[in-house]
């Protein structure tokens, strides 16, 4: 691993020399722009790409007119793939104004062989394609692509290396995501993630804690622990460590004031984890717990390994231990074979749990997953009707529960200036709801006590105490 890191550092130095020469010729540094699609894992990957390019001497641009454009792709749903092709169509015309422009594509979608092949064959202006398993090799790939003036397509199916040693340029100086694991072993029948992100791999706890200590030393107050299923963290380590144990160690890091994590799989959420969430004051009272469906029959077809009653029992246990815990979820509408009775079971869970937020999705057939070949695909018009009804219920219940903290004084991590009102700031409660309040830009990054004076359904207005 050390030799691998050293090699990429050498390529980074070569890249830096190349950028320096280009800057001298053009009298301005080359610019880059990263368009990120998908989840928090992708966002964290983009911060690493940005860190490399910044260290190489490039300047971050505002849009796709930049000299280097990187599309960090998602492939969870079909519309994510089509979104990329729409952007490629638009960026092609920009090549005439900048013939030296470099187009790179990475992320989950590029791990699909058919999609990578389509890019190679139909989009000759795309210079570089790499996947989720060789982001660590980005300095070498980019330098080789530019220096040798050749197209590079490299998307290995596995990797023995990690990208944890890469430089990072964070979007926020006061909060950061931290990868604790990669990949997934669950193989839900509708999900392509295990095929494009690989099997589950946990980082060593000492490496995670060292990273968090370093983040704390640089001024980070809040960390988000990231993994496809954080609840199964540590099981494959040579010296196994549970996620609950890791959380306790993270909470002990000086300077870190808030700890979040996602995503949790209901089948693996332990009593120990609930106990730690109840005990540790630094852990934010917000838990994202994907439901996907309330029907036992559909859950079995999805390969989710829990039942409706099991899910409800778990949420009751969490609420009893931590009454103000805000729960959010993911729900899929129109999974193959879903009947109206199945859909009603989902609505029943939504009513009983009272989610603060629910991310609702229309089932998207992903080639290569078992669900794509299942019979009884639900007609689009039926799905559209169900989706509309679910969304209406979710919005009604979310709006009702969002006012539970009205008139309370609660700590808010100030994240930035309000884009819609001059003289106002915007921040986030521990339960993940946004708050807008009058303030000064120098307060950004602070945790301020704010009285919540008005509930707007999905956010609060407030004043500083």
Protein backbone atom coordinates (compact mmCIF):
# COMPACT_ATOMS: atom_id res chain seq x y z
CA UNK A 1 0.00 0.00 0.00
CA UNK A 2 2.81 2.44 0.85
CA UNK A 3 4.46 1.78 -2.52
CA UNK A 4 1.11 2.39 -4.24
CA UNK A 5 0.62 5.68 -2.39
CA UNK A 6 4.18 6.73 -3.23
CA UNK A 7 3.65 5.98 -6.91
CA UNK A 8 0.51 8.11 -7.04
CA UNK A 9 2.33 10.92 -5.22
CA UNK A 10 4.97 10.78 -7.96
CA UNK A 11 2.27 11.05 -10.63
CA UNK A 12 0.70 13.90 -8.70
CA UNK A 13 4.05 15.72 -8.85
CA UNK A 14 4.23 15.14 -12.61
CA UNK A 15 0.67 16.43 -12.93
CA UNK A 16 1.61 19.49 -10.91
CA UNK A 17 4.55 20.22 -13.24
CA UNK A 18 2.25 19.85 -16.23
CA UNK A 19 -0.28 22.27 -14.75
CA UNK A 20 2.48 24.75 -13.88
CA UNK A 21 3.69 24.71 -17.48
CA UNK A 22 0.16 25.16 -18.80
CA UNK A 23 -0.42 28.06 -16.39
CA UNK A 24 2.72 29.81 -17.64
CA UNK A 25 1.67 29.36 -21.27
CA UNK A 26 -1.91 30.59 -20.79
CA UNK A 27 -1.13 33.08 -18.01
CA UNK A 28 -3.91 31.49 -15.96
CA UNK A 29 -4.26 28.11 -14.22
CA UNK A 30 -6.46 25.49 -15.87
CA UNK A 31 -9.88 24.99 -14.30
CA UNK A 32 -11.81 21.90 -13.31
CA UNK A 33 -15.47 21.19 -12.58
CA UNK A 34 -16.89 18.04 -10.96
CA UNK A 35 -20.55 17.21 -11.53
CA UNK A 36 -21.59 14.82 -8.76
CA UNK A 37 -24.61 12.56 -9.01
CA UNK A 38 -25.89 10.11 -6.40
CA UNK A 39 -25.27 9.48 -2.74
CA UNK A 40 -23.02 10.80 0.04
CA UNK A 41 -20.40 8.21 -0.93
CA UNK A 42 -20.14 9.82 -4.37
CA UNK A 43 -19.99 13.28 -2.82
CA UNK A 44 -17.08 12.13 -0.65
CA UNK A 45 -15.34 10.66 -3.71
CA UNK A 46 -15.72 14.01 -5.48
CA UNK A 47 -14.05 15.77 -2.55
CA UNK A 48 -11.06 13.46 -3.04
CA UNK A 49 -10.91 14.20 -6.77
CA UNK A 50 -11.14 17.90 -5.99
CA UNK A 51 -8.35 17.56 -3.43
CA UNK A 52 -6.04 15.96 -6.01
CA UNK A 53 -6.72 18.60 -8.66
CA UNK A 54 -6.31 21.47 -6.20
CA UNK A 55 -3.01 20.04 -5.01
CA UNK A 56 -1.94 19.78 -8.66
CA UNK A 57 -2.47 23.53 -9.00
CA UNK A 58 -5.78 23.63 -10.86
CA UNK A 59 -8.57 26.07 -9.95
CA UNK A 60 -12.15 24.99 -9.37
CA UNK A 61 -14.47 26.34 -12.05
CA UNK A 62 -18.14 27.25 -11.77
CA UNK A 63 -19.62 25.06 -14.50
CA UNK A 64 -19.02 22.69 -17.40
CA UNK A 65 -17.11 25.34 -19.35
CA UNK A 66 -14.05 24.37 -17.29
CA UNK A 67 -10.92 22.92 -18.93
CA UNK A 68 -11.43 19.57 -17.17
CA UNK A 69 -14.95 18.29 -16.53
CA UNK A 70 -15.50 15.16 -14.43
CA UNK A 71 -18.88 13.45 -14.21
CA UNK A 72 -19.08 11.34 -11.03
CA UNK A 73 -21.98 9.08 -11.89
CA UNK A 74 -24.73 7.18 -10.10
CA UNK A 75 -26.58 4.17 -11.50
CA UNK A 76 -29.13 3.32 -8.81
CA UNK A 77 -31.95 4.40 -11.12
CA UNK A 78 -32.25 4.54 -14.90
CA UNK A 79 -32.85 8.30 -14.97
CA UNK A 80 -29.42 8.79 -13.40
CA UNK A 81 -27.87 7.17 -16.50
CA UNK A 82 -29.95 9.28 -18.87
CA UNK A 83 -28.95 12.40 -16.96
CA UNK A 84 -25.31 11.76 -17.82
CA UNK A 85 -26.03 11.37 -21.53
CA UNK A 86 -27.97 14.63 -21.51
CA UNK A 87 -24.95 16.42 -20.07
CA UNK A 88 -22.58 14.79 -22.57
CA UNK A 89 -24.74 16.03 -25.42
CA UNK A 90 -24.55 19.57 -24.07
CA UNK A 91 -20.82 19.57 -23.31
CA UNK A 92 -19.89 18.29 -26.78
CA UNK A 93 -20.60 21.70 -28.30
CA UNK A 94 -18.16 23.31 -25.86
CA UNK A 95 -15.26 21.34 -27.34
CA UNK A 96 -15.17 23.68 -30.36
CA UNK A 97 -14.35 26.66 -28.14
CA UNK A 98 -11.79 24.70 -26.13
CA UNK A 99 -10.17 21.89 -28.18
CA UNK A 100 -7.86 21.02 -25.26
CA UNK A 101 -10.83 20.35 -22.97
CA UNK A 102 -10.69 17.04 -21.09
CA UNK A 103 -13.85 15.05 -20.31
CA UNK A 104 -13.66 12.34 -17.65
CA UNK A 105 -16.36 10.04 -16.28
CA UNK A 106 -16.15 7.96 -13.12
CA UNK A 107 -18.39 6.44 -10.46
CA UNK A 108 -20.87 3.60 -10.24
CA UNK A 109 -22.32 3.81 -13.73
CA UNK A 110 -18.91 3.19 -15.28
CA UNK A 111 -18.73 -0.19 -13.51
CA UNK A 112 -21.52 -1.35 -15.84
CA UNK A 113 -19.71 -2.85 -18.84
CA UNK A 114 -22.48 -1.95 -21.31
CA UNK A 115 -22.49 1.69 -20.25
CA UNK A 116 -18.70 2.00 -20.36
CA UNK A 117 -18.71 0.41 -23.82
CA UNK A 118 -21.44 2.82 -24.97
CA UNK A 119 -19.30 5.76 -23.87
CA UNK A 120 -16.27 4.38 -25.69
CA UNK A 121 -18.15 3.74 -28.95
CA UNK A 122 -20.56 6.68 -29.17
CA UNK A 123 -18.77 9.52 -27.38
CA UNK A 124 -15.27 9.78 -28.88
CA UNK A 125 -14.67 13.14 -27.20
CA UNK A 126 -14.65 11.50 -23.73
CA UNK A 127 -11.00 11.16 -22.76
CA UNK A 128 -10.97 9.24 -19.48
CA UNK A 129 -13.23 6.66 -17.85
CA UNK A 130 -12.51 5.00 -14.51
CA UNK A 131 -14.60 3.25 -11.88
CA UNK A 132 -15.26 2.93 -8.18
CA UNK A 133 -12.33 0.56 -7.57
CA UNK A 134 -9.49 2.69 -8.94
CA UNK A 135 -10.22 6.22 -7.78
CA UNK A 136 -6.93 5.89 -5.86
CA UNK A 137 -5.19 5.76 -9.26
CA UNK A 138 -6.64 9.05 -10.53
CA UNK A 139 -3.33 11.02 -10.57
CA UNK A 140 -1.72 8.37 -12.78
CA UNK A 141 -4.74 7.99 -15.06
CA UNK A 142 -5.18 11.72 -15.63
CA UNK A 143 -1.48 12.39 -16.19
CA UNK A 144 -1.16 9.51 -18.66
CA UNK A 145 -4.31 10.57 -20.51
CA UNK A 146 -3.01 14.12 -21.02
CA UNK A 147 0.70 13.41 -21.47
CA UNK A 148 0.26 10.56 -23.95
CA UNK A 149 -2.79 12.16 -25.59
CA UNK A 150 -4.78 8.95 -25.53
CA UNK A 151 -8.17 7.81 -24.32
CA UNK A 152 -8.09 5.68 -21.18
CA UNK A 153 -10.87 3.32 -20.11
CA UNK A 154 -10.05 1.44 -16.91
CA UNK A 155 -12.81 -0.03 -14.74
CA UNK A 156 -11.50 -3.03 -12.75
CA UNK A 157 -14.09 -5.16 -10.97
CA UNK A 158 -12.16 -5.30 -7.69
CA UNK A 159 -9.24 -3.62 -5.96
CA UNK A 160 -6.84 -4.41 -3.14
CA UNK A 161 -6.12 -0.71 -2.60
CA UNK A 162 -8.05 2.14 -0.98
CA UNK A 163 -8.24 5.86 -1.67
CA UNK A 164 -8.07 6.86 2.00
CA UNK A 165 -4.64 8.49 1.59
CA UNK A 166 -5.77 10.87 -1.16
CA UNK A 167 -5.87 14.62 -0.47
CA UNK A 168 -9.38 15.98 0.11
CA UNK A 169 -10.94 19.35 -0.61
CA UNK A 170 -14.04 19.50 1.56
CA UNK A 171 -17.16 21.46 0.66
CA UNK A 172 -17.45 22.58 4.31
CA UNK A 173 -14.56 23.31 6.66
CA UNK A 174 -16.67 22.55 9.74
CA UNK A 175 -18.19 19.18 8.80
CA UNK A 176 -17.04 16.16 6.84
CA UNK A 177 -18.02 12.72 5.67
CA UNK A 178 -15.78 9.83 6.71
CA UNK A 179 -15.84 6.50 4.87
CA UNK A 180 -15.85 3.65 7.38
CA UNK A 181 -16.52 0.89 4.85
CA UNK A 182 -17.02 0.24 1.16
CA UNK A 183 -19.29 -2.08 -0.81
CA UNK A 184 -22.26 -4.16 0.24
CA UNK A 185 -23.05 -7.83 0.88
CA UNK A 186 -26.85 -7.62 1.03
CA UNK A 187 -27.78 -8.09 -2.64
CA UNK A 188 -31.28 -6.68 -2.44
CA UNK A 189 -32.92 -7.95 -5.60
CA UNK A 190 -33.54 -4.48 -7.07
CA UNK A 191 -30.15 -2.96 -6.23
CA UNK A 192 -27.07 -2.77 -8.42
CA UNK A 193 -24.75 -1.34 -5.73
CA UNK A 194 -23.02 -4.65 -4.76
CA UNK A 195 -22.20 -5.19 -8.44
CA UNK A 196 -20.67 -1.74 -8.97
CA UNK A 197 -19.23 -1.00 -5.51
CA UNK A 198 -18.10 -4.55 -4.75
CA UNK A 199 -18.35 -6.69 -1.64
CA UNK A 200 -18.26 -5.25 1.85
CA UNK A 201 -14.88 -4.00 3.13
CA UNK A 202 -14.43 -2.25 6.49
CA UNK A 203 -11.62 0.16 7.28
CA UNK A 204 -9.56 -0.47 10.41
CA UNK A 205 -10.93 1.49 13.39
CA UNK A 206 -7.52 3.04 14.13
CA UNK A 207 -7.38 4.47 10.59
CA UNK A 208 -10.89 5.90 10.93
CA UNK A 209 -10.14 7.43 14.32
CA UNK A 210 -6.86 8.93 13.11
CA UNK A 211 -8.69 10.56 10.22
CA UNK A 212 -11.35 11.96 12.56
CA UNK A 213 -8.71 13.29 14.97
CA UNK A 214 -7.06 15.03 12.04
CA UNK A 215 -10.39 16.49 10.95
CA UNK A 216 -11.06 17.71 14.48
CA UNK A 217 -7.67 19.37 14.54
CA UNK A 218 -8.54 21.26 11.35
CA UNK A 219 -11.76 22.65 12.84
CA UNK A 220 -14.35 20.03 11.92
CA UNK A 221 -17.21 19.90 14.44
CA UNK A 222 -19.45 17.30 12.80
CA UNK A 223 -18.64 14.00 11.10
CA UNK A 224 -20.89 11.76 9.05
CA UNK A 225 -19.81 8.10 9.08
CA UNK A 226 -20.51 6.64 5.64
CA UNK A 227 -21.17 3.13 4.40
CA UNK A 228 -23.75 1.25 2.34
CA UNK A 229 -24.73 -0.58 5.55
CA UNK A 230 -22.92 0.89 8.54
CA UNK A 231 -24.65 -1.54 10.92
CA UNK A 232 -22.57 -4.43 9.57
CA UNK A 233 -19.30 -2.55 10.00
CA UNK A 234 -16.31 -4.49 11.29
CA UNK A 235 -17.54 -8.05 10.96
CA UNK A 236 -14.85 -9.05 8.46
CA UNK A 237 -11.94 -7.37 10.20
CA UNK A 238 -9.22 -9.68 11.50
CA UNK A 239 -10.06 -8.28 14.93
CA UNK A 240 -13.83 -7.72 14.65
CA UNK A 241 -15.30 -4.46 15.97
CA UNK A 242 -19.01 -3.67 16.03
CA UNK A 243 -20.46 -0.44 14.72
CA UNK A 244 -21.71 0.37 18.22
CA UNK A 245 -18.16 0.05 19.55
CA UNK A 246 -16.78 2.23 16.76
CA UNK A 247 -19.41 4.90 17.50
CA UNK A 248 -18.35 5.05 21.14
CA UNK A 249 -14.73 5.54 20.10
CA UNK A 250 -15.66 8.27 17.60
CA UNK A 251 -17.67 10.10 20.24
CA UNK A 252 -14.59 10.12 22.49
CA UNK A 253 -12.58 12.21 19.99
CA UNK A 254 -11.97 15.68 21.41
CA UNK A 255 -13.34 18.56 19.37
CA UNK A 256 -16.01 16.55 17.55
CA UNK A 257 -19.37 17.83 18.74
CA UNK A 258 -21.76 16.02 16.43
CA UNK A 259 -21.77 12.51 14.96
CA UNK A 260 -24.08 11.27 12.22
CA UNK A 261 -24.10 8.10 10.15
CA UNK A 262 -25.82 6.47 7.21
CA UNK A 263 -27.10 4.19 5.91
CA UNK A 264 -28.55 1.67 8.39
CA UNK A 265 -30.09 -1.62 7.30
CA UNK A 266 -33.02 -2.58 9.59
CA UNK A 267 -31.97 -6.25 9.74
CA UNK A 268 -28.62 -5.34 11.35
CA UNK A 269 -29.58 -2.58 13.79
CA UNK A 270 -28.64 -4.01 17.18
CA UNK A 271 -29.77 -3.32 20.73
CA UNK A 272 -26.17 -2.29 21.46
CA UNK A 273 -26.39 0.39 18.79
CA UNK A 274 -29.65 1.72 20.24
CA UNK A 275 -28.00 1.80 23.67
CA UNK A 276 -25.04 3.79 22.33
CA UNK A 277 -27.33 6.22 20.48
CA UNK A 278 -29.24 6.72 23.72
CA UNK A 279 -26.10 7.21 25.84
CA UNK A 280 -23.80 9.31 23.66
CA UNK A 281 -24.86 12.96 23.60
CA UNK A 282 -22.81 13.71 20.49
CA UNK A 283 -24.88 11.39 18.29
CA UNK A 284 -27.51 13.36 16.40
CA UNK A 285 -31.08 12.24 16.95
CA UNK A 286 -31.71 11.46 13.32
CA UNK A 287 -31.75 7.94 11.90
CA UNK A 288 -32.22 7.05 8.25
CA UNK A 289 -33.78 3.58 8.19
CA UNK A 290 -34.86 2.43 4.70
CA UNK A 291 -38.21 0.61 4.65
CA UNK A 292 -38.58 0.07 0.87
CA UNK A 293 -41.96 -1.68 1.31
CA UNK A 294 -44.45 -2.47 4.07
CA UNK A 295 -45.55 -5.75 2.49
CA UNK A 296 -43.96 -8.95 3.80
CA UNK A 297 -44.45 -10.58 0.41
CA UNK A 298 -42.66 -7.76 -1.42
CA UNK A 299 -39.94 -7.50 1.24
CA UNK A 300 -39.19 -11.18 0.70
CA UNK A 301 -39.00 -10.68 -3.08
CA UNK A 302 -36.70 -7.72 -2.43
CA UNK A 303 -34.43 -9.95 -0.30
CA UNK A 304 -34.59 -7.49 2.59
CA UNK A 305 -34.56 -10.08 5.45
CA UNK A 306 -37.10 -8.41 7.76
CA UNK A 307 -40.87 -8.20 8.01
CA UNK A 308 -43.35 -5.38 8.41
CA UNK A 309 -43.90 -6.25 12.07
CA UNK A 310 -40.18 -6.57 12.62
CA UNK A 311 -39.63 -3.09 11.20
CA UNK A 312 -42.43 -1.60 13.31
CA UNK A 313 -41.10 -3.35 16.41
CA UNK A 314 -37.64 -1.90 15.73
CA UNK A 315 -38.93 1.65 15.29
CA UNK A 316 -40.99 1.33 18.48
CA UNK A 317 -37.89 0.16 20.35
CA UNK A 318 -35.89 3.15 19.02
CA UNK A 319 -38.61 5.65 19.94
CA UNK A 320 -39.03 4.19 23.42
CA UNK A 321 -35.29 4.53 24.03
CA UNK A 322 -34.95 7.94 22.36
CA UNK A 323 -38.35 9.67 22.20
CA UNK A 324 -37.19 12.62 20.10
CA UNK A 325 -35.41 10.47 17.49
CA UNK A 326 -36.34 11.68 13.99
CA UNK A 327 -36.73 8.82 11.54
CA UNK A 328 -36.41 9.12 7.78
CA UNK A 329 -36.70 6.37 5.21
CA UNK A 330 -36.60 5.21 1.57
CA UNK A 331 -39.65 3.69 -0.12
CA UNK A 332 -39.93 2.05 -3.55
CA UNK A 333 -43.26 2.16 -5.38
CA UNK A 334 -44.14 -0.30 -8.13
CA UNK A 335 -41.77 -3.18 -7.38
CA UNK A 336 -42.58 -6.16 -9.67
CA UNK A 337 -45.72 -7.94 -8.49
CA UNK A 338 -46.79 -5.17 -6.09
CA UNK A 339 -50.57 -5.24 -5.66
CA UNK A 340 -52.87 -2.61 -4.21
CA UNK A 341 -52.97 -4.67 -1.02
CA UNK A 342 -49.17 -4.62 -0.84
CA UNK A 343 -49.19 -0.87 -1.37
CA UNK A 344 -51.72 -0.39 1.42
CA UNK A 345 -49.35 -2.23 3.77
CA UNK A 346 -46.68 0.36 2.92
CA UNK A 347 -49.09 3.21 3.63
CA UNK A 348 -49.93 1.57 6.96
CA UNK A 349 -46.27 1.59 8.03
CA UNK A 350 -45.92 5.24 7.00
CA UNK A 351 -48.92 6.17 9.16
CA UNK A 352 -47.74 4.15 12.17
CA UNK A 353 -44.11 5.31 12.15
CA UNK A 354 -44.72 8.96 11.30
CA UNK A 355 -41.49 9.56 9.40
CA UNK A 356 -40.01 13.03 9.55
CA UNK A 357 -39.02 12.55 5.91
CA UNK A 358 -39.41 9.81 3.32
CA UNK A 359 -37.54 9.61 0.04
CA UNK A 360 -39.96 8.00 -2.37
CA UNK A 361 -38.83 6.33 -5.60
CA UNK A 362 -40.52 4.72 -8.55
CA UNK A 363 -39.06 1.26 -9.11
CA UNK A 364 -36.33 1.40 -11.74
CA UNK A 365 -35.37 -1.79 -13.58
CA UNK A 366 -31.59 -2.24 -13.40
CA UNK A 367 -30.16 -4.75 -15.85
CA UNK A 368 -28.22 -7.47 -14.06
CA UNK A 369 -30.34 -7.49 -10.91
CA UNK A 370 -32.78 -10.35 -10.14
CA UNK A 371 -35.77 -7.98 -10.00
CA UNK A 372 -35.21 -6.90 -13.61
CA UNK A 373 -36.17 -10.39 -14.79
CA UNK A 374 -39.17 -10.80 -12.48
CA UNK A 375 -42.63 -11.19 -14.05
CA UNK A 376 -45.62 -8.95 -13.26
CA UNK A 377 -43.91 -5.61 -13.85
CA UNK A 378 -46.40 -3.00 -12.63
CA UNK A 379 -47.95 -0.76 -15.34
CA UNK A 380 -46.58 2.81 -15.34
CA UNK A 381 -50.00 4.41 -14.86
CA UNK A 382 -50.62 2.28 -11.73
CA UNK A 383 -47.22 3.20 -10.35
CA UNK A 384 -47.83 6.90 -11.01
CA UNK A 385 -51.13 6.80 -9.12
CA UNK A 386 -49.61 5.01 -6.13
CA UNK A 387 -46.60 7.30 -6.09
CA UNK A 388 -48.85 10.35 -5.98
CA UNK A 389 -50.88 8.94 -3.09
CA UNK A 390 -47.78 7.96 -1.12
CA UNK A 391 -46.16 11.37 -1.64
CA UNK A 392 -49.32 13.12 -0.46
CA UNK A 393 -49.43 11.07 2.75
CA UNK A 394 -45.71 11.53 3.42
CA UNK A 395 -45.94 15.30 2.97
CA UNK A 396 -48.99 15.52 5.24
CA UNK A 397 -47.40 13.54 8.08
CA UNK A 398 -43.95 15.13 7.69
CA UNK A 399 -45.41 18.62 7.82
CA UNK A 400 -47.39 17.73 10.93
CA UNK A 401 -44.40 16.28 12.80
CA UNK A 402 -42.01 19.05 11.74
CA UNK A 403 -43.55 21.47 14.24
CA UNK A 404 -42.87 19.33 17.31
CA UNK A 405 -39.99 21.55 18.45
CA UNK A 406 -41.73 24.88 17.95
CA UNK A 407 -40.73 27.49 20.61
CA UNK A 408 -37.85 25.35 21.88
CA UNK A 409 -34.25 26.57 22.03
CA UNK A 410 -32.01 24.06 20.26
CA UNK A 411 -28.41 23.98 18.98
CA UNK A 412 -28.01 24.63 15.26
CA UNK A 413 -24.86 24.07 13.21
CA UNK A 414 -24.67 27.17 10.99
CA UNK A 415 -23.94 26.03 7.43
CA UNK A 416 -24.14 29.16 5.29
CA UNK A 417 -25.95 32.30 4.27
CA UNK A 418 -29.63 32.09 3.37
CA UNK A 419 -29.82 32.35 -0.42
CA UNK A 420 -33.28 33.91 -0.32
CA UNK A 421 -33.04 36.50 2.49
CA UNK A 422 -30.24 38.98 3.01
CA UNK A 423 -28.95 39.09 6.57
CA UNK A 424 -30.15 35.56 7.32
CA UNK A 425 -28.20 32.37 7.90
CA UNK A 426 -29.22 28.75 7.48
CA UNK A 427 -28.26 25.81 9.67
CA UNK A 428 -29.23 22.31 10.66
CA UNK A 429 -30.73 20.84 13.81
CA UNK A 430 -29.56 17.53 15.21
CA UNK A 431 -32.71 15.95 13.74
CA UNK A 432 -31.56 17.17 10.29
CA UNK A 433 -34.24 19.85 9.78
CA UNK A 434 -33.11 23.22 8.46
CA UNK A 435 -33.45 26.48 10.39
CA UNK A 436 -33.26 30.02 8.99
CA UNK A 437 -32.49 32.94 11.30
CA UNK A 438 -30.93 36.44 11.30
CA UNK A 439 -27.15 36.37 11.69
CA UNK A 440 -23.72 37.39 10.47
CA UNK A 441 -21.50 35.47 7.99
CA UNK A 442 -18.76 35.13 10.61
CA UNK A 443 -21.08 32.81 12.57
CA UNK A 444 -20.93 30.16 9.80
CA UNK A 445 -19.43 26.99 11.23
CA UNK A 446 -20.55 27.76 14.79
CA UNK A 447 -23.11 25.83 16.79
CA UNK A 448 -25.60 28.46 17.96
CA UNK A 449 -28.60 28.19 20.28
CA UNK A 450 -31.68 29.17 18.26
CA UNK A 451 -35.25 29.64 19.43
CA UNK A 452 -37.59 28.06 16.86
CA UNK A 453 -40.27 30.70 16.39
CA UNK A 454 -42.11 29.48 13.28
CA UNK A 455 -42.63 26.09 11.68
CA UNK A 456 -42.91 26.11 7.88
CA UNK A 457 -43.67 22.40 7.55
CA UNK A 458 -40.24 21.22 6.44
CA UNK A 459 -38.04 23.85 8.10
CA UNK A 460 -38.10 26.42 10.88
CA UNK A 461 -37.55 30.14 11.19
CA UNK A 462 -35.89 31.21 14.42
CA UNK A 463 -33.93 33.80 16.36
CA UNK A 464 -30.62 33.53 18.17
CA UNK A 465 -30.85 33.36 21.97
